[in-house]
Amino acid sequence: MICFSCHKEIPLLDNKVSFREECPHCRADAHVCKNCEFYDVKAYNECREPSAERVREKERSNLCEFFIPRKSGLDSAGSKADQLRAAAEALFKKKN
């Protein structure tokens, strides 16, 4: 699983993440919406699992039973915003 916060790999045993587990690199909570396969900013409540209860804080540990570790980083939401920000910064950067 790739940590949503530091984008480094979190080694998993049996593809499971405990409710209190943290990233060994940045100490961010691991059992969070942004590390879940169902997390989608475009979906209702930002979750593609229709039976899941609403979780307000997507970057804090939660007790969702539907959690499945995301195998890759946040490509759709996180990297797109980063790409747009980098493009805007490059556009307005002073040339020497």
PDB file of N, CA and C in Angstrom:
ATOM      1  N   MET A   1       0.853  -1.173   0.000  1.00  0.00           N
ATOM      2  CA  MET A   1       0.000   0.000   0.000  1.00  0.00           C
ATOM      3  C   MET A   1       0.896   1.233   0.000  1.00  0.00           C
ATOM      4  N   ILE A   2       0.483   2.265  -0.726  1.00  0.00           N
ATOM      5  CA  ILE A   2       1.224   3.518  -0.777  1.00  0.00           C
ATOM      6  C   ILE A   2       0.557   4.524   0.153  1.00  0.00           C
ATOM      7  N   CYS A   3       1.331   5.137   1.046  1.00  0.00           N
ATOM      8  CA  CYS A   3       0.803   6.110   2.002  1.00  0.00           C
ATOM      9  C   CYS A   3       0.303   7.355   1.277  1.00  0.00           C
ATOM     10  N   PHE A   4      -0.892   7.806   1.627  1.00  0.00           N
ATOM     11  CA  PHE A   4      -1.455   9.011   1.012  1.00  0.00           C
ATOM     12  C   PHE A   4      -0.651  10.249   1.383  1.00  0.00           C
ATOM     13  N   SER A   5       0.015  10.231   2.518  1.00  0.00           N
ATOM     14  CA  SER A   5       0.703  11.404   3.034  1.00  0.00           C
ATOM     15  C   SER A   5       2.124  11.567   2.476  1.00  0.00           C
ATOM     16  N   CYS A   6       2.944  10.524   2.614  1.00  0.00           N
ATOM     17  CA  CYS A   6       4.350  10.639   2.188  1.00  0.00           C
ATOM     18  C   CYS A   6       4.634   9.924   0.869  1.00  0.00           C
ATOM     19  N   HIS A   7       3.656   9.185   0.354  1.00  0.00           N
ATOM     20  CA  HIS A   7       3.747   8.466  -0.927  1.00  0.00           C
ATOM     21  C   HIS A   7       4.809   7.369  -0.926  1.00  0.00           C
ATOM     22  N   LYS A   8       5.139   6.856   0.261  1.00  0.00           N
ATOM     23  CA  LYS A   8       6.076   5.738   0.369  1.00  0.00           C
ATOM     24  C   LYS A   8       5.282   4.462   0.639  1.00  0.00           C
ATOM     25  N   GLU A   9       5.902   3.330   0.346  1.00  0.00           N
ATOM     26  CA  GLU A   9       5.210   2.055   0.497  1.00  0.00           C
ATOM     27  C   GLU A   9       5.116   1.644   1.961  1.00  0.00           C
ATOM     28  N   ILE A  10       3.921   1.159   2.338  1.00  0.00           N
ATOM     29  CA  ILE A  10       3.688   0.611   3.667  1.00  0.00           C
ATOM     30  C   ILE A  10       3.603  -0.900   3.503  1.00  0.00           C
ATOM     31  N   PRO A  11       4.545  -1.650   4.093  1.00  0.00           N
ATOM     32  CA  PRO A  11       4.484  -3.108   3.967  1.00  0.00           C
ATOM     33  C   PRO A  11       3.301  -3.669   4.766  1.00  0.00           C
ATOM     34  N   LEU A  12       2.572  -4.607   4.159  1.00  0.00           N
ATOM     35  CA  LEU A  12       1.397  -5.193   4.802  1.00  0.00           C
ATOM     36  C   LEU A  12       1.574  -6.693   4.976  1.00  0.00           C
ATOM     37  N   LEU A  13       1.011  -7.208   6.079  1.00  0.00           N
ATOM     38  CA  LEU A  13       0.959  -8.645   6.300  1.00  0.00           C
ATOM     39  C   LEU A  13      -0.437  -9.120   5.931  1.00  0.00           C
ATOM     40  N   ASP A  14      -0.550 -10.073   5.046  1.00  0.00           N
ATOM     41  CA  ASP A  14      -1.832 -10.634   4.614  1.00  0.00           C
ATOM     42  C   ASP A  14      -2.777  -9.588   4.044  1.00  0.00           C
ATOM     43  N   ASN A  15      -2.258  -8.503   3.510  1.00  0.00           N
ATOM     44  CA  ASN A  15      -3.053  -7.439   2.887  1.00  0.00           C
ATOM     45  C   ASN A  15      -4.084  -6.849   3.857  1.00  0.00           C
ATOM     46  N   LYS A  16      -3.726  -6.771   5.138  1.00  0.00           N
ATOM     47  CA  LYS A  16      -4.621  -6.229   6.160  1.00  0.00           C
ATOM     48  C   LYS A  16      -3.971  -5.034   6.855  1.00  0.00           C
ATOM     49  N   VAL A  17      -4.823  -4.088   7.260  1.00  0.00           N
ATOM     50  CA  VAL A  17      -4.370  -2.897   7.979  1.00  0.00           C
ATOM     51  C   VAL A  17      -5.203  -2.781   9.250  1.00  0.00           C
ATOM     52  N   SER A  18      -4.545  -2.742  10.403  1.00  0.00           N
ATOM     53  CA  SER A  18      -5.292  -2.622  11.658  1.00  0.00           C
ATOM     54  C   SER A  18      -5.806  -1.188  11.806  1.00  0.00           C
ATOM     55  N   PHE A  19      -6.809  -1.024  12.666  1.00  0.00           N
ATOM     56  CA  PHE A  19      -7.415   0.291  12.862  1.00  0.00           C
ATOM     57  C   PHE A  19      -6.427   1.315  13.418  1.00  0.00           C
ATOM     58  N   ARG A  20      -5.424   0.866  14.128  1.00  0.00           N
ATOM     59  CA  ARG A  20      -4.464   1.786  14.769  1.00  0.00           C
ATOM     60  C   ARG A  20      -3.118   1.847  14.069  1.00  0.00           C
ATOM     61  N   GLU A  21      -2.990   1.201  12.956  1.00  0.00           N
ATOM     62  CA  GLU A  21      -1.701   1.153  12.261  1.00  0.00           C
ATOM     63  C   GLU A  21      -1.314   2.520  11.713  1.00  0.00           C
ATOM     64  N   GLU A  22       0.016   2.770  11.695  1.00  0.00           N
ATOM     65  CA  GLU A  22       0.564   4.024  11.189  1.00  0.00           C
ATOM     66  C   GLU A  22       1.585   3.738  10.102  1.00  0.00           C
ATOM     67  N   CYS A  23       1.831   4.737   9.270  1.00  0.00           N
ATOM     68  CA  CYS A  23       2.878   4.635   8.258  1.00  0.00           C
ATOM     69  C   CYS A  23       4.226   4.629   8.989  1.00  0.00           C
ATOM     70  N   PRO A  24       5.110   3.681   8.684  1.00  0.00           N
ATOM     71  CA  PRO A  24       6.398   3.634   9.371  1.00  0.00           C
ATOM     72  C   PRO A  24       7.332   4.790   8.981  1.00  0.00           C
ATOM     73  N   HIS A  25       7.014   5.485   7.902  1.00  0.00           N
ATOM     74  CA  HIS A  25       7.869   6.570   7.427  1.00  0.00           C
ATOM     75  C   HIS A  25       7.469   7.932   7.980  1.00  0.00           C
ATOM     76  N   CYS A  26       6.181   8.256   7.938  1.00  0.00           N
ATOM     77  CA  CYS A  26       5.727   9.597   8.336  1.00  0.00           C
ATOM     78  C   CYS A  26       4.807   9.588   9.556  1.00  0.00           C
ATOM     79  N   ARG A  27       4.461   8.398  10.067  1.00  0.00           N
ATOM     80  CA  ARG A  27       3.607   8.224  11.248  1.00  0.00           C
ATOM     81  C   ARG A  27       2.155   8.661  11.026  1.00  0.00           C
ATOM     82  N   ALA A  28       1.739   8.839   9.795  1.00  0.00           N
ATOM     83  CA  ALA A  28       0.335   9.155   9.503  1.00  0.00           C
ATOM     84  C   ALA A  28      -0.500   7.905   9.723  1.00  0.00           C
ATOM     85  N   ASP A  29      -1.769   8.080  10.098  1.00  0.00           N
ATOM     86  CA  ASP A  29      -2.669   6.944  10.251  1.00  0.00           C
ATOM     87  C   ASP A  29      -2.754   6.190   8.928  1.00  0.00           C
ATOM     88  N   ALA A  30      -2.805   4.866   8.988  1.00  0.00           N
ATOM     89  CA  ALA A  30      -2.851   4.056   7.766  1.00  0.00           C
ATOM     90  C   ALA A  30      -4.265   3.625   7.402  1.00  0.00           C
ATOM     91  N   HIS A  31      -5.110   3.354   8.392  1.00  0.00           N
ATOM     92  CA  HIS A  31      -6.482   2.894   8.129  1.00  0.00           C
ATOM     93  C   HIS A  31      -7.375   4.126   7.933  1.00  0.00           C
ATOM     94  N   VAL A  32      -7.173   4.817   6.817  1.00  0.00           N
ATOM     95  CA  VAL A  32      -7.901   6.053   6.509  1.00  0.00           C
ATOM     96  C   VAL A  32      -8.526   5.949   5.124  1.00  0.00           C
ATOM     97  N   CYS A  33      -9.518   6.773   4.883  1.00  0.00           N
ATOM     98  CA  CYS A  33     -10.218   6.749   3.590  1.00  0.00           C
ATOM     99  C   CYS A  33      -9.268   6.936   2.407  1.00  0.00           C
ATOM    100  N   LYS A  34      -8.322   7.841   2.535  1.00  0.00           N
ATOM    101  CA  LYS A  34      -7.437   8.142   1.410  1.00  0.00           C
ATOM    102  C   LYS A  34      -6.489   6.999   1.068  1.00  0.00           C
ATOM    103  N   ASN A  35      -6.387   5.987   1.929  1.00  0.00           N
ATOM    104  CA  ASN A  35      -5.584   4.798   1.635  1.00  0.00           C
ATOM    105  C   ASN A  35      -6.455   3.621   1.203  1.00  0.00           C
ATOM    106  N   CYS A  36      -7.746   3.860   1.026  1.00  0.00           N
ATOM    107  CA  CYS A  36      -8.696   2.789   0.711  1.00  0.00           C
ATOM    108  C   CYS A  36      -8.989   2.724  -0.790  1.00  0.00           C
ATOM    109  N   GLU A  37      -9.203   1.515  -1.262  1.00  0.00           N
ATOM    110  CA  GLU A  37      -9.526   1.284  -2.672  1.00  0.00           C
ATOM    111  C   GLU A  37     -10.848   1.947  -3.073  1.00  0.00           C
ATOM    112  N   PHE A  38     -11.772   2.120  -2.137  1.00  0.00           N
ATOM    113  CA  PHE A  38     -13.078   2.712  -2.429  1.00  0.00           C
ATOM    114  C   PHE A  38     -13.067   4.241  -2.434  1.00  0.00           C
ATOM    115  N   TYR A  39     -11.990   4.878  -1.981  1.00  0.00           N
ATOM    116  CA  TYR A  39     -11.943   6.343  -1.920  1.00  0.00           C
ATOM    117  C   TYR A  39     -11.973   6.930  -3.332  1.00  0.00           C
ATOM    118  N   ASP A  40     -12.898   7.864  -3.547  1.00  0.00           N
ATOM    119  CA  ASP A  40     -13.042   8.517  -4.849  1.00  0.00           C
ATOM    120  C   ASP A  40     -13.659   9.887  -4.612  1.00  0.00           C
ATOM    121  N   VAL A  41     -12.931  10.953  -4.931  1.00  0.00           N
ATOM    122  CA  VAL A  41     -13.424  12.303  -4.677  1.00  0.00           C
ATOM    123  C   VAL A  41     -14.683  12.617  -5.479  1.00  0.00           C
ATOM    124  N   LYS A  42     -14.924  11.891  -6.555  1.00  0.00           N
ATOM    125  CA  LYS A  42     -16.090  12.157  -7.400  1.00  0.00           C
ATOM    126  C   LYS A  42     -17.340  11.402  -6.959  1.00  0.00           C
ATOM    127  N   ALA A  43     -17.198  10.462  -6.034  1.00  0.00           N
ATOM    128  CA  ALA A  43     -18.331   9.650  -5.572  1.00  0.00           C
ATOM    129  C   ALA A  43     -19.052  10.340  -4.413  1.00  0.00           C
ATOM    130  N   TYR A  44     -20.294   9.927  -4.170  1.00  0.00           N
ATOM    131  CA  TYR A  44     -21.069  10.420  -3.042  1.00  0.00           C
ATOM    132  C   TYR A  44     -20.331  10.089  -1.751  1.00  0.00           C
ATOM    133  N   ASN A  45     -20.161  11.074  -0.891  1.00  0.00           N
ATOM    134  CA  ASN A  45     -19.389  10.951   0.356  1.00  0.00           C
ATOM    135  C   ASN A  45     -17.933  10.540   0.107  1.00  0.00           C
ATOM    136  N   GLU A  46     -17.469  10.701  -1.125  1.00  0.00           N
ATOM    137  CA  GLU A  46     -16.108  10.360  -1.530  1.00  0.00           C
ATOM    138  C   GLU A  46     -15.789   8.880  -1.318  1.00  0.00           C
ATOM    139  N   CYS A  47     -16.811   8.020  -1.452  1.00  0.00           N
ATOM    140  CA  CYS A  47     -16.635   6.583  -1.261  1.00  0.00           C
ATOM    141  C   CYS A  47     -17.499   5.826  -2.262  1.00  0.00           C
ATOM    142  N   ARG A  48     -16.895   4.858  -2.971  1.00  0.00           N
ATOM    143  CA  ARG A  48     -17.640   4.054  -3.938  1.00  0.00           C
ATOM    144  C   ARG A  48     -18.370   2.876  -3.294  1.00  0.00           C
ATOM    145  N   GLU A  49     -18.158   2.631  -2.007  1.00  0.00           N
ATOM    146  CA  GLU A  49     -18.865   1.554  -1.310  1.00  0.00           C
ATOM    147  C   GLU A  49     -20.196   2.102  -0.809  1.00  0.00           C
ATOM    148  N   PRO A  50     -21.323   1.673  -1.383  1.00  0.00           N
ATOM    149  CA  PRO A  50     -22.623   2.249  -1.028  1.00  0.00           C
ATOM    150  C   PRO A  50     -23.091   1.931   0.393  1.00  0.00           C
ATOM    151  N   SER A  51     -22.596   0.874   1.004  1.00  0.00           N
ATOM    152  CA  SER A  51     -23.031   0.495   2.350  1.00  0.00           C
ATOM    153  C   SER A  51     -22.212   1.133   3.465  1.00  0.00           C
ATOM    154  N   ALA A  52     -21.119   1.772   3.116  1.00  0.00           N
ATOM    155  CA  ALA A  52     -20.234   2.357   4.136  1.00  0.00           C
ATOM    156  C   ALA A  52     -20.872   3.590   4.774  1.00  0.00           C
ATOM    157  N   GLU A  53     -20.632   3.738   6.081  1.00  0.00           N
ATOM    158  CA  GLU A  53     -21.102   4.926   6.780  1.00  0.00           C
ATOM    159  C   GLU A  53     -20.231   6.116   6.402  1.00  0.00           C
ATOM    160  N   ARG A  54     -20.790   7.312   6.516  1.00  0.00           N
ATOM    161  CA  ARG A  54     -20.061   8.521   6.156  1.00  0.00           C
ATOM    162  C   ARG A  54     -18.910   8.763   7.135  1.00  0.00           C
ATOM    163  N   VAL A  55     -17.753   9.095   6.584  1.00  0.00           N
ATOM    164  CA  VAL A  55     -16.583   9.450   7.382  1.00  0.00           C
ATOM    165  C   VAL A  55     -16.218  10.871   6.989  1.00  0.00           C
ATOM    166  N   ARG A  56     -16.215  11.772   7.953  1.00  0.00           N
ATOM    167  CA  ARG A  56     -15.946  13.182   7.656  1.00  0.00           C
ATOM    168  C   ARG A  56     -14.465  13.461   7.427  1.00  0.00           C
ATOM    169  N   GLU A  57     -13.617  12.939   8.281  1.00  0.00           N
ATOM    170  CA  GLU A  57     -12.186  13.219   8.191  1.00  0.00           C
ATOM    171  C   GLU A  57     -11.494  12.088   7.437  1.00  0.00           C
ATOM    172  N   LYS A  58     -11.187  12.327   6.189  1.00  0.00           N
ATOM    173  CA  LYS A  58     -10.657  11.297   5.295  1.00  0.00           C
ATOM    174  C   LYS A  58      -9.196  10.953   5.556  1.00  0.00           C
ATOM    175  N   GLU A  59      -8.486  11.766   6.347  1.00  0.00           N
ATOM    176  CA  GLU A  59      -7.070  11.534   6.621  1.00  0.00           C
ATOM    177  C   GLU A  59      -6.816  11.060   8.052  1.00  0.00           C
ATOM    178  N   ARG A  60      -7.886  10.724   8.788  1.00  0.00           N
ATOM    179  CA  ARG A  60      -7.752  10.249  10.169  1.00  0.00           C
ATOM    180  C   ARG A  60      -8.234   8.812  10.255  1.00  0.00           C
ATOM    181  N   SER A  61      -7.658   8.071  11.172  1.00  0.00           N
ATOM    182  CA  SER A  61      -8.023   6.678  11.359  1.00  0.00           C
ATOM    183  C   SER A  61      -9.522   6.530  11.613  1.00  0.00           C
ATOM    184  N   ASN A  62     -10.122   5.488  11.029  1.00  0.00           N
ATOM    185  CA  ASN A  62     -11.551   5.246  11.209  1.00  0.00           C
ATOM    186  C   ASN A  62     -11.799   3.747  11.386  1.00  0.00           C
ATOM    187  N   LEU A  63     -13.030   3.406  11.691  1.00  0.00           N
ATOM    188  CA  LEU A  63     -13.389   2.013  11.961  1.00  0.00           C
ATOM    189  C   LEU A  63     -14.184   1.370  10.829  1.00  0.00           C
ATOM    190  N   CYS A  64     -14.035   1.857   9.625  1.00  0.00           N
ATOM    191  CA  CYS A  64     -14.783   1.328   8.491  1.00  0.00           C
ATOM    192  C   CYS A  64     -14.406  -0.136   8.234  1.00  0.00           C
ATOM    193  N   GLU A  65     -15.420  -0.977   8.184  1.00  0.00           N
ATOM    194  CA  GLU A  65     -15.214  -2.409   7.959  1.00  0.00           C
ATOM    195  C   GLU A  65     -14.996  -2.754   6.481  1.00  0.00           C
ATOM    196  N   PHE A  66     -15.279  -1.817   5.594  1.00  0.00           N
ATOM    197  CA  PHE A  66     -15.150  -2.066   4.160  1.00  0.00           C
ATOM    198  C   PHE A  66     -13.767  -1.715   3.613  1.00  0.00           C
ATOM    199  N   PHE A  67     -12.871  -1.265   4.464  1.00  0.00           N
ATOM    200  CA  PHE A  67     -11.541  -0.806   4.053  1.00  0.00           C
ATOM    201  C   PHE A  67     -10.772  -1.895   3.306  1.00  0.00           C
ATOM    202  N   ILE A  68     -10.291  -1.529   2.113  1.00  0.00           N
ATOM    203  CA  ILE A  68      -9.401  -2.386   1.324  1.00  0.00           C
ATOM    204  C   ILE A  68      -8.191  -1.525   0.970  1.00  0.00           C
ATOM    205  N   PRO A  69      -6.971  -1.971   1.312  1.00  0.00           N
ATOM    206  CA  PRO A  69      -5.789  -1.151   1.041  1.00  0.00           C
ATOM    207  C   PRO A  69      -5.644  -0.815  -0.442  1.00  0.00           C
ATOM    208  N   ARG A  70      -5.422   0.466  -0.710  1.00  0.00           N
ATOM    209  CA  ARG A  70      -5.188   0.937  -2.077  1.00  0.00           C
ATOM    210  C   ARG A  70      -3.803   0.482  -2.515  1.00  0.00           C
ATOM    211  N   LYS A  71      -3.715  -0.096  -3.689  1.00  0.00           N
ATOM    212  CA  LYS A  71      -2.449  -0.638  -4.168  1.00  0.00           C
ATOM    213  C   LYS A  71      -1.532   0.411  -4.789  1.00  0.00           C
ATOM    214  N   SER A  72      -2.103   1.539  -5.176  1.00  0.00           N
ATOM    215  CA  SER A  72      -1.301   2.619  -5.761  1.00  0.00           C
ATOM    216  C   SER A  72      -1.612   3.917  -5.031  1.00  0.00           C
ATOM    217  N   GLY A  73      -0.898   4.963  -5.381  1.00  0.00           N
ATOM    218  CA  GLY A  73      -1.148   6.250  -4.752  1.00  0.00           C
ATOM    219  C   GLY A  73      -2.429   6.887  -5.267  1.00  0.00           C
ATOM    220  N   LEU A  74      -2.722   8.074  -4.785  1.00  0.00           N
ATOM    221  CA  LEU A  74      -3.916   8.804  -5.230  1.00  0.00           C
ATOM    222  C   LEU A  74      -3.620   9.438  -6.584  1.00  0.00           C
ATOM    223  N   ASP A  75      -3.951   8.749  -7.654  1.00  0.00           N
ATOM    224  CA  ASP A  75      -3.653   9.301  -8.967  1.00  0.00           C
ATOM    225  C   ASP A  75      -4.682  10.325  -9.410  1.00  0.00           C
ATOM    226  N   SER A  76      -5.946  10.042  -9.233  1.00  0.00           N
ATOM    227  CA  SER A  76      -6.973  10.912  -9.796  1.00  0.00           C
ATOM    228  C   SER A  76      -7.060  12.258  -9.101  1.00  0.00           C
ATOM    229  N   ALA A  77      -7.066  12.292  -7.793  1.00  0.00           N
ATOM    230  CA  ALA A  77      -7.281  13.551  -7.085  1.00  0.00           C
ATOM    231  C   ALA A  77      -5.975  14.242  -6.745  1.00  0.00           C
ATOM    232  N   GLY A  78      -5.111  13.542  -6.028  1.00  0.00           N
ATOM    233  CA  GLY A  78      -3.893  14.164  -5.530  1.00  0.00           C
ATOM    234  C   GLY A  78      -2.941  14.619  -6.618  1.00  0.00           C
ATOM    235  N   SER A  79      -2.584  13.740  -7.529  1.00  0.00           N
ATOM    236  CA  SER A  79      -1.588  14.093  -8.527  1.00  0.00           C
ATOM    237  C   SER A  79      -2.124  15.112  -9.537  1.00  0.00           C
ATOM    238  N   LYS A  80      -3.410  15.080  -9.834  1.00  0.00           N
ATOM    239  CA  LYS A  80      -3.995  16.050 -10.762  1.00  0.00           C
ATOM    240  C   LYS A  80      -3.887  17.456 -10.184  1.00  0.00           C
ATOM    241  N   ALA A  81      -4.189  17.613  -8.907  1.00  0.00           N
ATOM    242  CA  ALA A  81      -4.071  18.914  -8.250  1.00  0.00           C
ATOM    243  C   ALA A  81      -2.608  19.365  -8.224  1.00  0.00           C
ATOM    244  N   ASP A  82      -1.708  18.422  -7.952  1.00  0.00           N
ATOM    245  CA  ASP A  82      -0.284  18.752  -7.940  1.00  0.00           C
ATOM    246  C   ASP A  82       0.192  19.179  -9.325  1.00  0.00           C
ATOM    247  N   GLN A  83      -0.291  18.502 -10.364  1.00  0.00           N
ATOM    248  CA  GLN A  83       0.091  18.858 -11.729  1.00  0.00           C
ATOM    249  C   GLN A  83      -0.403  20.254 -12.087  1.00  0.00           C
ATOM    250  N   LEU A  84      -1.632  20.577 -11.730  1.00  0.00           N
ATOM    251  CA  LEU A  84      -2.181  21.899 -12.020  1.00  0.00           C
ATOM    252  C   LEU A  84      -1.426  22.992 -11.269  1.00  0.00           C
ATOM    253  N   ARG A  85      -1.103  22.725 -10.004  1.00  0.00           N
ATOM    254  CA  ARG A  85      -0.352  23.694  -9.205  1.00  0.00           C
ATOM    255  C   ARG A  85       1.040  23.928  -9.803  1.00  0.00           C
ATOM    256  N   ALA A  86       1.707  22.851 -10.210  1.00  0.00           N
ATOM    257  CA  ALA A  86       3.043  22.964 -10.809  1.00  0.00           C
ATOM    258  C   ALA A  86       2.981  23.735 -12.129  1.00  0.00           C
ATOM    259  N   ALA A  87       1.937  23.496 -12.922  1.00  0.00           N
ATOM    260  CA  ALA A  87       1.786  24.216 -14.185  1.00  0.00           C
ATOM    261  C   ALA A  87       1.566  25.711 -13.938  1.00  0.00           C
ATOM    262  N   ALA A  88       0.752  26.050 -12.929  1.00  0.00           N
ATOM    263  CA  ALA A  88       0.508  27.460 -12.611  1.00  0.00           C
ATOM    264  C   ALA A  88       1.779  28.132 -12.099  1.00  0.00           C
ATOM    265  N   GLU A  89       2.526  27.429 -11.252  1.00  0.00           N
ATOM    266  CA  GLU A  89       3.777  27.995 -10.741  1.00  0.00           C
ATOM    267  C   GLU A  89       4.787  28.205 -11.872  1.00  0.00           C
ATOM    268  N   ALA A  90       4.853  27.264 -12.800  1.00  0.00           N
ATOM    269  CA  ALA A  90       5.777  27.407 -13.928  1.00  0.00           C
ATOM    270  C   ALA A  90       5.377  28.566 -14.825  1.00  0.00           C
ATOM    271  N   LEU A  91       4.082  28.793 -14.963  1.00  0.00           N
ATOM    272  CA  LEU A  91       3.585  29.867 -15.803  1.00  0.00           C
ATOM    273  C   LEU A  91       3.980  31.243 -15.265  1.00  0.00           C
ATOM    274  N   PHE A  92       3.929  31.402 -13.948  1.00  0.00           N
ATOM    275  CA  PHE A  92       4.200  32.702 -13.339  1.00  0.00           C
ATOM    276  C   PHE A  92       5.595  32.837 -12.759  1.00  0.00           C
ATOM    277  N   LYS A  93       6.447  31.858 -12.983  1.00  0.00           N
ATOM    278  CA  LYS A  93       7.819  31.882 -12.467  1.00  0.00           C
ATOM    279  C   LYS A  93       8.633  32.921 -13.241  1.00  0.00           C
ATOM    280  N   LYS A  94       9.460  33.681 -12.485  1.00  0.00           N
ATOM    281  CA  LYS A  94      10.327  34.682 -13.134  1.00  0.00           C
ATOM    282  C   LYS A  94      11.436  34.009 -13.894  1.00  0.00           C
ATOM    283  N   LYS A  95      11.738  34.544 -15.058  1.00  0.00           N
ATOM    284  CA  LYS A  95      12.854  34.011 -15.843  1.00  0.00           C
ATOM    285  C   LYS A  95      14.089  34.854 -15.547  1.00  0.00           C
ATOM    286  N   ASN A  96      15.231  34.193 -15.432  1.00  0.00           N
ATOM    287  CA  ASN A  96      16.488  34.902 -15.129  1.00  0.00           C
ATOM    288  C   ASN A  96      17.197  35.293 -16.385  1.00  0.00           C
TER     289      ASN A  96
END
